[in-house]
Amino acid sequence: MEINKEFDLFVDQLLARAVKEFKSTDQYDLLKEKLNIMEEDCKTMFTKNEKEFAMECFEILLEVDGVEEQYVYRKAFKDCVCLLKSLGVLA
């Protein structure tokens, strides 16, 4: 069981590094700007209750995306190892 925890920690660190690298890209800056504009639009266009509902929806969507991101990253890592083993690169 300790190996699974170590593997999870290792993959978490790789993912965190990849996310940090992505956040330093121009693409991320553009996406972040779009999110900021959307948030400002919500503040000005919605009533208080509508704004709270929209923000709650955005938080849930971001949480789901984060969990999906972690799952896909782990799956891709495992698939890559299986591929390398089947090619004889790894024993």
PDB file of N, CA and C in Angstrom:
ATOM      1  N   MET A   1       0.829  -1.198   0.000  1.00  0.00           N
ATOM      2  CA  MET A   1       0.000   0.000   0.000  1.00  0.00           C
ATOM      3  C   MET A   1       0.866   1.252   0.000  1.00  0.00           C
ATOM      4  N   GLU A   2       2.046   1.196   0.609  1.00  0.00           N
ATOM      5  CA  GLU A   2       2.942   2.343   0.671  1.00  0.00           C
ATOM      6  C   GLU A   2       3.389   2.767  -0.734  1.00  0.00           C
ATOM      7  N   ILE A   3       3.574   1.793  -1.629  1.00  0.00           N
ATOM      8  CA  ILE A   3       3.989   2.105  -2.995  1.00  0.00           C
ATOM      9  C   ILE A   3       2.905   2.920  -3.699  1.00  0.00           C
ATOM     10  N   ASN A   4       1.634   2.584  -3.472  1.00  0.00           N
ATOM     11  CA  ASN A   4       0.545   3.353  -4.076  1.00  0.00           C
ATOM     12  C   ASN A   4       0.554   4.799  -3.601  1.00  0.00           C
ATOM     13  N   LYS A   5       0.808   5.000  -2.306  1.00  0.00           N
ATOM     14  CA  LYS A   5       0.866   6.363  -1.771  1.00  0.00           C
ATOM     15  C   LYS A   5       2.036   7.125  -2.380  1.00  0.00           C
ATOM     16  N   GLU A   6       3.174   6.456  -2.505  1.00  0.00           N
ATOM     17  CA  GLU A   6       4.347   7.099  -3.093  1.00  0.00           C
ATOM     18  C   GLU A   6       4.096   7.424  -4.565  1.00  0.00           C
ATOM     19  N   PHE A   7       3.456   6.500  -5.274  1.00  0.00           N
ATOM     20  CA  PHE A   7       3.122   6.746  -6.676  1.00  0.00           C
ATOM     21  C   PHE A   7       2.180   7.932  -6.793  1.00  0.00           C
ATOM     22  N   ASP A   8       1.152   7.969  -5.948  1.00  0.00           N
ATOM     23  CA  ASP A   8       0.202   9.086  -5.980  1.00  0.00           C
ATOM     24  C   ASP A   8       0.904  10.409  -5.711  1.00  0.00           C
ATOM     25  N   LEU A   9       1.802  10.415  -4.736  1.00  0.00           N
ATOM     26  CA  LEU A   9       2.545  11.632  -4.419  1.00  0.00           C
ATOM     27  C   LEU A   9       3.418  12.050  -5.599  1.00  0.00           C
ATOM     28  N   PHE A  10       4.091  11.081  -6.206  1.00  0.00           N
ATOM     29  CA  PHE A  10       4.934  11.348  -7.364  1.00  0.00           C
ATOM     30  C   PHE A  10       4.127  11.949  -8.510  1.00  0.00           C
ATOM     31  N   VAL A  11       3.000  11.335  -8.834  1.00  0.00           N
ATOM     32  CA  VAL A  11       2.165  11.826  -9.931  1.00  0.00           C
ATOM     33  C   VAL A  11       1.567  13.179  -9.578  1.00  0.00           C
ATOM     34  N   ASP A  12       1.168  13.373  -8.331  1.00  0.00           N
ATOM     35  CA  ASP A  12       0.643  14.679  -7.906  1.00  0.00           C
ATOM     36  C   ASP A  12       1.679  15.775  -8.110  1.00  0.00           C
ATOM     37  N   GLN A  13       2.933  15.463  -7.791  1.00  0.00           N
ATOM     38  CA  GLN A  13       3.990  16.455  -7.967  1.00  0.00           C
ATOM     39  C   GLN A  13       4.232  16.755  -9.443  1.00  0.00           C
ATOM     40  N   LEU A  14       4.193  15.718 -10.278  1.00  0.00           N
ATOM     41  CA  LEU A  14       4.340  15.933 -11.717  1.00  0.00           C
ATOM     42  C   LEU A  14       3.201  16.791 -12.252  1.00  0.00           C
ATOM     43  N   LEU A  15       1.986  16.491 -11.824  1.00  0.00           N
ATOM     44  CA  LEU A  15       0.827  17.261 -12.266  1.00  0.00           C
ATOM     45  C   LEU A  15       0.937  18.711 -11.804  1.00  0.00           C
ATOM     46  N   ALA A  16       1.314  18.915 -10.561  1.00  0.00           N
ATOM     47  CA  ALA A  16       1.450  20.277 -10.039  1.00  0.00           C
ATOM     48  C   ALA A  16       2.483  21.059 -10.848  1.00  0.00           C
ATOM     49  N   ARG A  17       3.574  20.396 -11.211  1.00  0.00           N
ATOM     50  CA  ARG A  17       4.602  21.055 -12.010  1.00  0.00           C
ATOM     51  C   ARG A  17       4.058  21.395 -13.400  1.00  0.00           C
ATOM     52  N   ALA A  18       3.321  20.465 -13.994  1.00  0.00           N
ATOM     53  CA  ALA A  18       2.748  20.712 -15.326  1.00  0.00           C
ATOM     54  C   ALA A  18       1.749  21.866 -15.290  1.00  0.00           C
ATOM     55  N   VAL A  19       0.922  21.900 -14.250  1.00  0.00           N
ATOM     56  CA  VAL A  19      -0.057  22.986 -14.109  1.00  0.00           C
ATOM     57  C   VAL A  19       0.661  24.318 -13.926  1.00  0.00           C
ATOM     58  N   LYS A  20       1.717  24.314 -13.120  1.00  0.00           N
ATOM     59  CA  LYS A  20       2.487  25.544 -12.895  1.00  0.00           C
ATOM     60  C   LYS A  20       3.097  26.030 -14.208  1.00  0.00           C
ATOM     61  N   GLU A  21       3.620  25.100 -15.004  1.00  0.00           N
ATOM     62  CA  GLU A  21       4.181  25.471 -16.296  1.00  0.00           C
ATOM     63  C   GLU A  21       3.099  26.036 -17.216  1.00  0.00           C
ATOM     64  N   PHE A  22       1.934  25.398 -17.218  1.00  0.00           N
ATOM     65  CA  PHE A  22       0.832  25.880 -18.058  1.00  0.00           C
ATOM     66  C   PHE A  22       0.417  27.294 -17.657  1.00  0.00           C
ATOM     67  N   LYS A  23       0.396  27.542 -16.362  1.00  0.00           N
ATOM     68  CA  LYS A  23      -0.029  28.857 -15.884  1.00  0.00           C
ATOM     69  C   LYS A  23       0.959  29.964 -16.246  1.00  0.00           C
ATOM     70  N   SER A  24       2.120  29.597 -16.753  1.00  0.00           N
ATOM     71  CA  SER A  24       3.077  30.621 -17.187  1.00  0.00           C
ATOM     72  C   SER A  24       3.012  30.847 -18.699  1.00  0.00           C
ATOM     73  N   THR A  25       2.031  30.255 -19.361  1.00  0.00           N
ATOM     74  CA  THR A  25       1.919  30.395 -20.819  1.00  0.00           C
ATOM     75  C   THR A  25       0.985  31.540 -21.199  1.00  0.00           C
ATOM     76  N   ASP A  26       1.131  31.973 -22.435  1.00  0.00           N
ATOM     77  CA  ASP A  26       0.235  33.001 -22.978  1.00  0.00           C
ATOM     78  C   ASP A  26      -1.189  32.466 -23.086  1.00  0.00           C
ATOM     79  N   GLN A  27      -1.317  31.181 -23.408  1.00  0.00           N
ATOM     80  CA  GLN A  27      -2.645  30.577 -23.528  1.00  0.00           C
ATOM     81  C   GLN A  27      -3.402  30.672 -22.211  1.00  0.00           C
ATOM     82  N   TYR A  28      -2.720  30.395 -21.114  1.00  0.00           N
ATOM     83  CA  TYR A  28      -3.366  30.502 -19.805  1.00  0.00           C
ATOM     84  C   TYR A  28      -3.758  31.949 -19.517  1.00  0.00           C
ATOM     85  N   ASP A  29      -2.874  32.872 -19.862  1.00  0.00           N
ATOM     86  CA  ASP A  29      -3.182  34.289 -19.623  1.00  0.00           C
ATOM     87  C   ASP A  29      -4.458  34.700 -20.353  1.00  0.00           C
ATOM     88  N   LEU A  30      -4.614  34.245 -21.590  1.00  0.00           N
ATOM     89  CA  LEU A  30      -5.826  34.568 -22.355  1.00  0.00           C
ATOM     90  C   LEU A  30      -7.067  33.935 -21.722  1.00  0.00           C
ATOM     91  N   LEU A  31      -6.939  32.682 -21.295  1.00  0.00           N
ATOM     92  CA  LEU A  31      -8.077  32.007 -20.655  1.00  0.00           C
ATOM     93  C   LEU A  31      -8.428  32.675 -19.328  1.00  0.00           C
ATOM     94  N   LYS A  32      -7.430  33.046 -18.573  1.00  0.00           N
ATOM     95  CA  LYS A  32      -7.660  33.722 -17.291  1.00  0.00           C
ATOM     96  C   LYS A  32      -8.346  35.064 -17.519  1.00  0.00           C
ATOM     97  N   GLU A  33      -7.943  35.758 -18.561  1.00  0.00           N
ATOM     98  CA  GLU A  33      -8.576  37.040 -18.889  1.00  0.00           C
ATOM     99  C   GLU A  33     -10.052  36.834 -19.226  1.00  0.00           C
ATOM    100  N   LYS A  34     -10.353  35.788 -19.986  1.00  0.00           N
ATOM    101  CA  LYS A  34     -11.746  35.479 -20.312  1.00  0.00           C
ATOM    102  C   LYS A  34     -12.548  35.172 -19.050  1.00  0.00           C
ATOM    103  N   LEU A  35     -11.943  34.422 -18.136  1.00  0.00           N
ATOM    104  CA  LEU A  35     -12.632  34.120 -16.870  1.00  0.00           C
ATOM    105  C   LEU A  35     -12.893  35.380 -16.069  1.00  0.00           C
ATOM    106  N   ASN A  36     -11.927  36.271 -16.042  1.00  0.00           N
ATOM    107  CA  ASN A  36     -12.095  37.534 -15.310  1.00  0.00           C
ATOM    108  C   ASN A  36     -13.204  38.385 -15.921  1.00  0.00           C
ATOM    109  N   ILE A  37     -13.264  38.429 -17.250  1.00  0.00           N
ATOM    110  CA  ILE A  37     -14.329  39.175 -17.926  1.00  0.00           C
ATOM    111  C   ILE A  37     -15.685  38.560 -17.601  1.00  0.00           C
ATOM    112  N   MET A  38     -15.746  37.237 -17.633  1.00  0.00           N
ATOM    113  CA  MET A  38     -16.992  36.545 -17.324  1.00  0.00           C
ATOM    114  C   MET A  38     -17.431  36.841 -15.883  1.00  0.00           C
ATOM    115  N   GLU A  39     -16.481  36.853 -14.980  1.00  0.00           N
ATOM    116  CA  GLU A  39     -16.807  37.144 -13.582  1.00  0.00           C
ATOM    117  C   GLU A  39     -17.315  38.577 -13.427  1.00  0.00           C
ATOM    118  N   GLU A  40     -16.679  39.507 -14.101  1.00  0.00           N
ATOM    119  CA  GLU A  40     -17.124  40.903 -14.052  1.00  0.00           C
ATOM    120  C   GLU A  40     -18.520  41.053 -14.647  1.00  0.00           C
ATOM    121  N   ASP A  41     -18.777  40.337 -15.750  1.00  0.00           N
ATOM    122  CA  ASP A  41     -20.110  40.374 -16.359  1.00  0.00           C
ATOM    123  C   ASP A  41     -21.163  39.859 -15.386  1.00  0.00           C
ATOM    124  N   CYS A  42     -20.817  38.807 -14.663  1.00  0.00           N
ATOM    125  CA  CYS A  42     -21.760  38.253 -13.675  1.00  0.00           C
ATOM    126  C   CYS A  42     -22.065  39.278 -12.583  1.00  0.00           C
ATOM    127  N   LYS A  43     -21.033  39.998 -12.172  1.00  0.00           N
ATOM    128  CA  LYS A  43     -21.227  40.995 -11.109  1.00  0.00           C
ATOM    129  C   LYS A  43     -22.156  42.122 -11.550  1.00  0.00           C
ATOM    130  N   THR A  44     -22.077  42.490 -12.810  1.00  0.00           N
ATOM    131  CA  THR A  44     -22.854  43.639 -13.276  1.00  0.00           C
ATOM    132  C   THR A  44     -24.200  43.271 -13.880  1.00  0.00           C
ATOM    133  N   MET A  45     -24.340  42.051 -14.397  1.00  0.00           N
ATOM    134  CA  MET A  45     -25.552  41.684 -15.119  1.00  0.00           C
ATOM    135  C   MET A  45     -26.571  40.917 -14.280  1.00  0.00           C
ATOM    136  N   PHE A  46     -26.140  40.329 -13.192  1.00  0.00           N
ATOM    137  CA  PHE A  46     -27.019  39.465 -12.412  1.00  0.00           C
ATOM    138  C   PHE A  46     -27.431  40.125 -11.100  1.00  0.00           C
ATOM    139  N   THR A  47     -28.580  39.686 -10.602  1.00  0.00           N
ATOM    140  CA  THR A  47     -28.972  40.083  -9.253  1.00  0.00           C
ATOM    141  C   THR A  47     -28.069  39.341  -8.272  1.00  0.00           C
ATOM    142  N   LYS A  48     -28.158  39.683  -7.019  1.00  0.00           N
ATOM    143  CA  LYS A  48     -27.319  39.043  -6.003  1.00  0.00           C
ATOM    144  C   LYS A  48     -27.531  37.530  -5.998  1.00  0.00           C
ATOM    145  N   ASN A  49     -28.782  37.084  -6.016  1.00  0.00           N
ATOM    146  CA  ASN A  49     -29.066  35.637  -5.992  1.00  0.00           C
ATOM    147  C   ASN A  49     -28.571  34.950  -7.261  1.00  0.00           C
ATOM    148  N   GLU A  50     -28.772  35.594  -8.403  1.00  0.00           N
ATOM    149  CA  GLU A  50     -28.295  35.015  -9.662  1.00  0.00           C
ATOM    150  C   GLU A  50     -26.774  34.926  -9.676  1.00  0.00           C
ATOM    151  N   LYS A  51     -26.135  35.972  -9.153  1.00  0.00           N
ATOM    152  CA  LYS A  51     -24.670  35.997  -9.109  1.00  0.00           C
ATOM    153  C   LYS A  51     -24.150  34.876  -8.203  1.00  0.00           C
ATOM    154  N   GLU A  52     -24.760  34.712  -7.033  1.00  0.00           N
ATOM    155  CA  GLU A  52     -24.344  33.644  -6.123  1.00  0.00           C
ATOM    156  C   GLU A  52     -24.516  32.275  -6.773  1.00  0.00           C
ATOM    157  N   PHE A  53     -25.642  32.091  -7.479  1.00  0.00           N
ATOM    158  CA  PHE A  53     -25.880  30.823  -8.160  1.00  0.00           C
ATOM    159  C   PHE A  53     -24.833  30.590  -9.251  1.00  0.00           C
ATOM    160  N   ALA A  54     -24.559  31.610 -10.044  1.00  0.00           N
ATOM    161  CA  ALA A  54     -23.582  31.482 -11.124  1.00  0.00           C
ATOM    162  C   ALA A  54     -22.199  31.163 -10.559  1.00  0.00           C
ATOM    163  N   MET A  55     -21.810  31.854  -9.501  1.00  0.00           N
ATOM    164  CA  MET A  55     -20.491  31.609  -8.894  1.00  0.00           C
ATOM    165  C   MET A  55     -20.403  30.192  -8.338  1.00  0.00           C
ATOM    166  N   GLU A  56     -21.479  29.727  -7.739  1.00  0.00           N
ATOM    167  CA  GLU A  56     -21.505  28.357  -7.229  1.00  0.00           C
ATOM    168  C   GLU A  56     -21.352  27.366  -8.385  1.00  0.00           C
ATOM    169  N   CYS A  57     -22.031  27.626  -9.486  1.00  0.00           N
ATOM    170  CA  CYS A  57     -21.913  26.759 -10.666  1.00  0.00           C
ATOM    171  C   CYS A  57     -20.482  26.744 -11.185  1.00  0.00           C
ATOM    172  N   PHE A  58     -19.858  27.935 -11.268  1.00  0.00           N
ATOM    173  CA  PHE A  58     -18.484  28.010 -11.750  1.00  0.00           C
ATOM    174  C   PHE A  58     -17.539  27.235 -10.832  1.00  0.00           C
ATOM    175  N   GLU A  59     -17.734  27.353  -9.527  1.00  0.00           N
ATOM    176  CA  GLU A  59     -16.889  26.631  -8.580  1.00  0.00           C
ATOM    177  C   GLU A  59     -17.020  25.125  -8.768  1.00  0.00           C
ATOM    178  N   ILE A  60     -18.257  24.653  -8.962  1.00  0.00           N
ATOM    179  CA  ILE A  60     -18.478  23.220  -9.171  1.00  0.00           C
ATOM    180  C   ILE A  60     -17.819  22.770 -10.469  1.00  0.00           C
ATOM    181  N   LEU A  61     -17.984  23.558 -11.529  1.00  0.00           N
ATOM    182  CA  LEU A  61     -17.362  23.207 -12.811  1.00  0.00           C
ATOM    183  C   LEU A  61     -15.838  23.144 -12.696  1.00  0.00           C
ATOM    184  N   LEU A  62     -15.254  24.104 -12.007  1.00  0.00           N
ATOM    185  CA  LEU A  62     -13.800  24.106 -11.822  1.00  0.00           C
ATOM    186  C   LEU A  62     -13.343  22.908 -10.988  1.00  0.00           C
ATOM    187  N   GLU A  63     -14.124  22.555  -9.980  1.00  0.00           N
ATOM    188  CA  GLU A  63     -13.782  21.392  -9.157  1.00  0.00           C
ATOM    189  C   GLU A  63     -13.834  20.111  -9.989  1.00  0.00           C
ATOM    190  N   VAL A  64     -14.892  19.968 -10.775  1.00  0.00           N
ATOM    191  CA  VAL A  64     -15.029  18.787 -11.634  1.00  0.00           C
ATOM    192  C   VAL A  64     -13.877  18.733 -12.637  1.00  0.00           C
ATOM    193  N   ASP A  65     -13.544  19.870 -13.226  1.00  0.00           N
ATOM    194  CA  ASP A  65     -12.429  19.910 -14.168  1.00  0.00           C
ATOM    195  C   ASP A  65     -11.120  19.505 -13.498  1.00  0.00           C
ATOM    196  N   GLY A  66     -10.911  19.942 -12.275  1.00  0.00           N
ATOM    197  CA  GLY A  66      -9.692  19.586 -11.543  1.00  0.00           C
ATOM    198  C   GLY A  66      -9.602  18.093 -11.279  1.00  0.00           C
ATOM    199  N   VAL A  67     -10.702  17.494 -10.868  1.00  0.00           N
ATOM    200  CA  VAL A  67     -10.723  16.057 -10.608  1.00  0.00           C
ATOM    201  C   VAL A  67     -10.501  15.289 -11.916  1.00  0.00           C
ATOM    202  N   GLU A  68     -11.152  15.750 -12.976  1.00  0.00           N
ATOM    203  CA  GLU A  68     -10.975  15.115 -14.289  1.00  0.00           C
ATOM    204  C   GLU A  68      -9.518  15.237 -14.742  1.00  0.00           C
ATOM    205  N   GLU A  69      -8.932  16.389 -14.543  1.00  0.00           N
ATOM    206  CA  GLU A  69      -7.535  16.622 -14.903  1.00  0.00           C
ATOM    207  C   GLU A  69      -6.625  15.630 -14.189  1.00  0.00           C
ATOM    208  N   GLN A  70      -6.842  15.447 -12.899  1.00  0.00           N
ATOM    209  CA  GLN A  70      -6.032  14.498 -12.128  1.00  0.00           C
ATOM    210  C   GLN A  70      -6.214  13.072 -12.643  1.00  0.00           C
ATOM    211  N   TYR A  71      -7.441  12.687 -12.928  1.00  0.00           N
ATOM    212  CA  TYR A  71      -7.716  11.336 -13.410  1.00  0.00           C
ATOM    213  C   TYR A  71      -7.029  11.093 -14.754  1.00  0.00           C
ATOM    214  N   VAL A  72      -7.195  12.038 -15.672  1.00  0.00           N
ATOM    215  CA  VAL A  72      -6.617  11.879 -17.006  1.00  0.00           C
ATOM    216  C   VAL A  72      -5.094  11.843 -16.930  1.00  0.00           C
ATOM    217  N   TYR A  73      -4.507  12.670 -16.089  1.00  0.00           N
ATOM    218  CA  TYR A  73      -3.053  12.704 -15.957  1.00  0.00           C
ATOM    219  C   TYR A  73      -2.541  11.361 -15.443  1.00  0.00           C
ATOM    220  N   ARG A  74      -3.183  10.830 -14.402  1.00  0.00           N
ATOM    221  CA  ARG A  74      -2.787   9.526 -13.858  1.00  0.00           C
ATOM    222  C   ARG A  74      -2.961   8.423 -14.899  1.00  0.00           C
ATOM    223  N   LYS A  75      -4.089   8.441 -15.591  1.00  0.00           N
ATOM    224  CA  LYS A  75      -4.374   7.416 -16.595  1.00  0.00           C
ATOM    225  C   LYS A  75      -3.351   7.483 -17.720  1.00  0.00           C
ATOM    226  N   ALA A  76      -3.028   8.670 -18.179  1.00  0.00           N
ATOM    227  CA  ALA A  76      -2.041   8.827 -19.249  1.00  0.00           C
ATOM    228  C   ALA A  76      -0.673   8.333 -18.795  1.00  0.00           C
ATOM    229  N   PHE A  77      -0.324   8.612 -17.553  1.00  0.00           N
ATOM    230  CA  PHE A  77       0.954   8.162 -17.010  1.00  0.00           C
ATOM    231  C   PHE A  77       1.014   6.633 -16.994  1.00  0.00           C
ATOM    232  N   LYS A  78      -0.042   6.005 -16.510  1.00  0.00           N
ATOM    233  CA  LYS A  78      -0.098   4.538 -16.463  1.00  0.00           C
ATOM    234  C   LYS A  78      -0.106   3.950 -17.871  1.00  0.00           C
ATOM    235  N   ASP A  79      -0.860   4.552 -18.777  1.00  0.00           N
ATOM    236  CA  ASP A  79      -0.901   4.073 -20.157  1.00  0.00           C
ATOM    237  C   ASP A  79       0.473   4.166 -20.815  1.00  0.00           C
ATOM    238  N   CYS A  80       1.184   5.248 -20.530  1.00  0.00           N
ATOM    239  CA  CYS A  80       2.524   5.438 -21.083  1.00  0.00           C
ATOM    240  C   CYS A  80       3.463   4.341 -20.589  1.00  0.00           C
ATOM    241  N   VAL A  81       3.408   4.013 -19.313  1.00  0.00           N
ATOM    242  CA  VAL A  81       4.242   2.952 -18.756  1.00  0.00           C
ATOM    243  C   VAL A  81       3.895   1.614 -19.401  1.00  0.00           C
ATOM    244  N   CYS A  82       2.617   1.335 -19.563  1.00  0.00           N
ATOM    245  CA  CYS A  82       2.195   0.078 -20.210  1.00  0.00           C
ATOM    246  C   CYS A  82       2.701   0.023 -21.651  1.00  0.00           C
ATOM    247  N   LEU A  83       2.613   1.141 -22.354  1.00  0.00           N
ATOM    248  CA  LEU A  83       3.096   1.197 -23.729  1.00  0.00           C
ATOM    249  C   LEU A  83       4.603   0.948 -23.784  1.00  0.00           C
ATOM    250  N   LEU A  84       5.340   1.594 -22.916  1.00  0.00           N
ATOM    251  CA  LEU A  84       6.799   1.411 -22.888  1.00  0.00           C
ATOM    252  C   LEU A  84       7.163  -0.041 -22.544  1.00  0.00           C
ATOM    253  N   LYS A  85       6.387  -0.655 -21.656  1.00  0.00           N
ATOM    254  CA  LYS A  85       6.632  -2.072 -21.336  1.00  0.00           C
ATOM    255  C   LYS A  85       6.352  -2.951 -22.541  1.00  0.00           C
ATOM    256  N   SER A  86       5.252  -2.687 -23.233  1.00  0.00           N
ATOM    257  CA  SER A  86       4.888  -3.534 -24.382  1.00  0.00           C
ATOM    258  C   SER A  86       5.885  -3.346 -25.530  1.00  0.00           C
ATOM    259  N   LEU A  87       6.538  -2.206 -25.603  1.00  0.00           N
ATOM    260  CA  LEU A  87       7.558  -1.978 -26.621  1.00  0.00           C
ATOM    261  C   LEU A  87       8.921  -2.522 -26.200  1.00  0.00           C
ATOM    262  N   GLY A  88       9.014  -2.989 -24.962  1.00  0.00           N
ATOM    263  CA  GLY A  88      10.267  -3.554 -24.475  1.00  0.00           C
ATOM    264  C   GLY A  88      11.248  -2.512 -23.967  1.00  0.00           C
ATOM    265  N   VAL A  89      10.812  -1.273 -23.850  1.00  0.00           N
ATOM    266  CA  VAL A  89      11.686  -0.213 -23.345  1.00  0.00           C
ATOM    267  C   VAL A  89      11.866  -0.358 -21.837  1.00  0.00           C
ATOM    268  N   LEU A  90      10.791  -0.763 -21.160  1.00  0.00           N
ATOM    269  CA  LEU A  90      10.829  -1.009 -19.715  1.00  0.00           C
ATOM    270  C   LEU A  90      10.664  -2.500 -19.454  1.00  0.00           C
ATOM    271  N   ALA A  91      11.280  -2.953 -18.403  1.00  0.00           N
ATOM    272  CA  ALA A  91      11.173  -4.382 -18.056  1.00  0.00           C
ATOM    273  C   ALA A  91       9.966  -4.630 -17.187  1.00  0.00           C
TER     274      ALA A  91
END
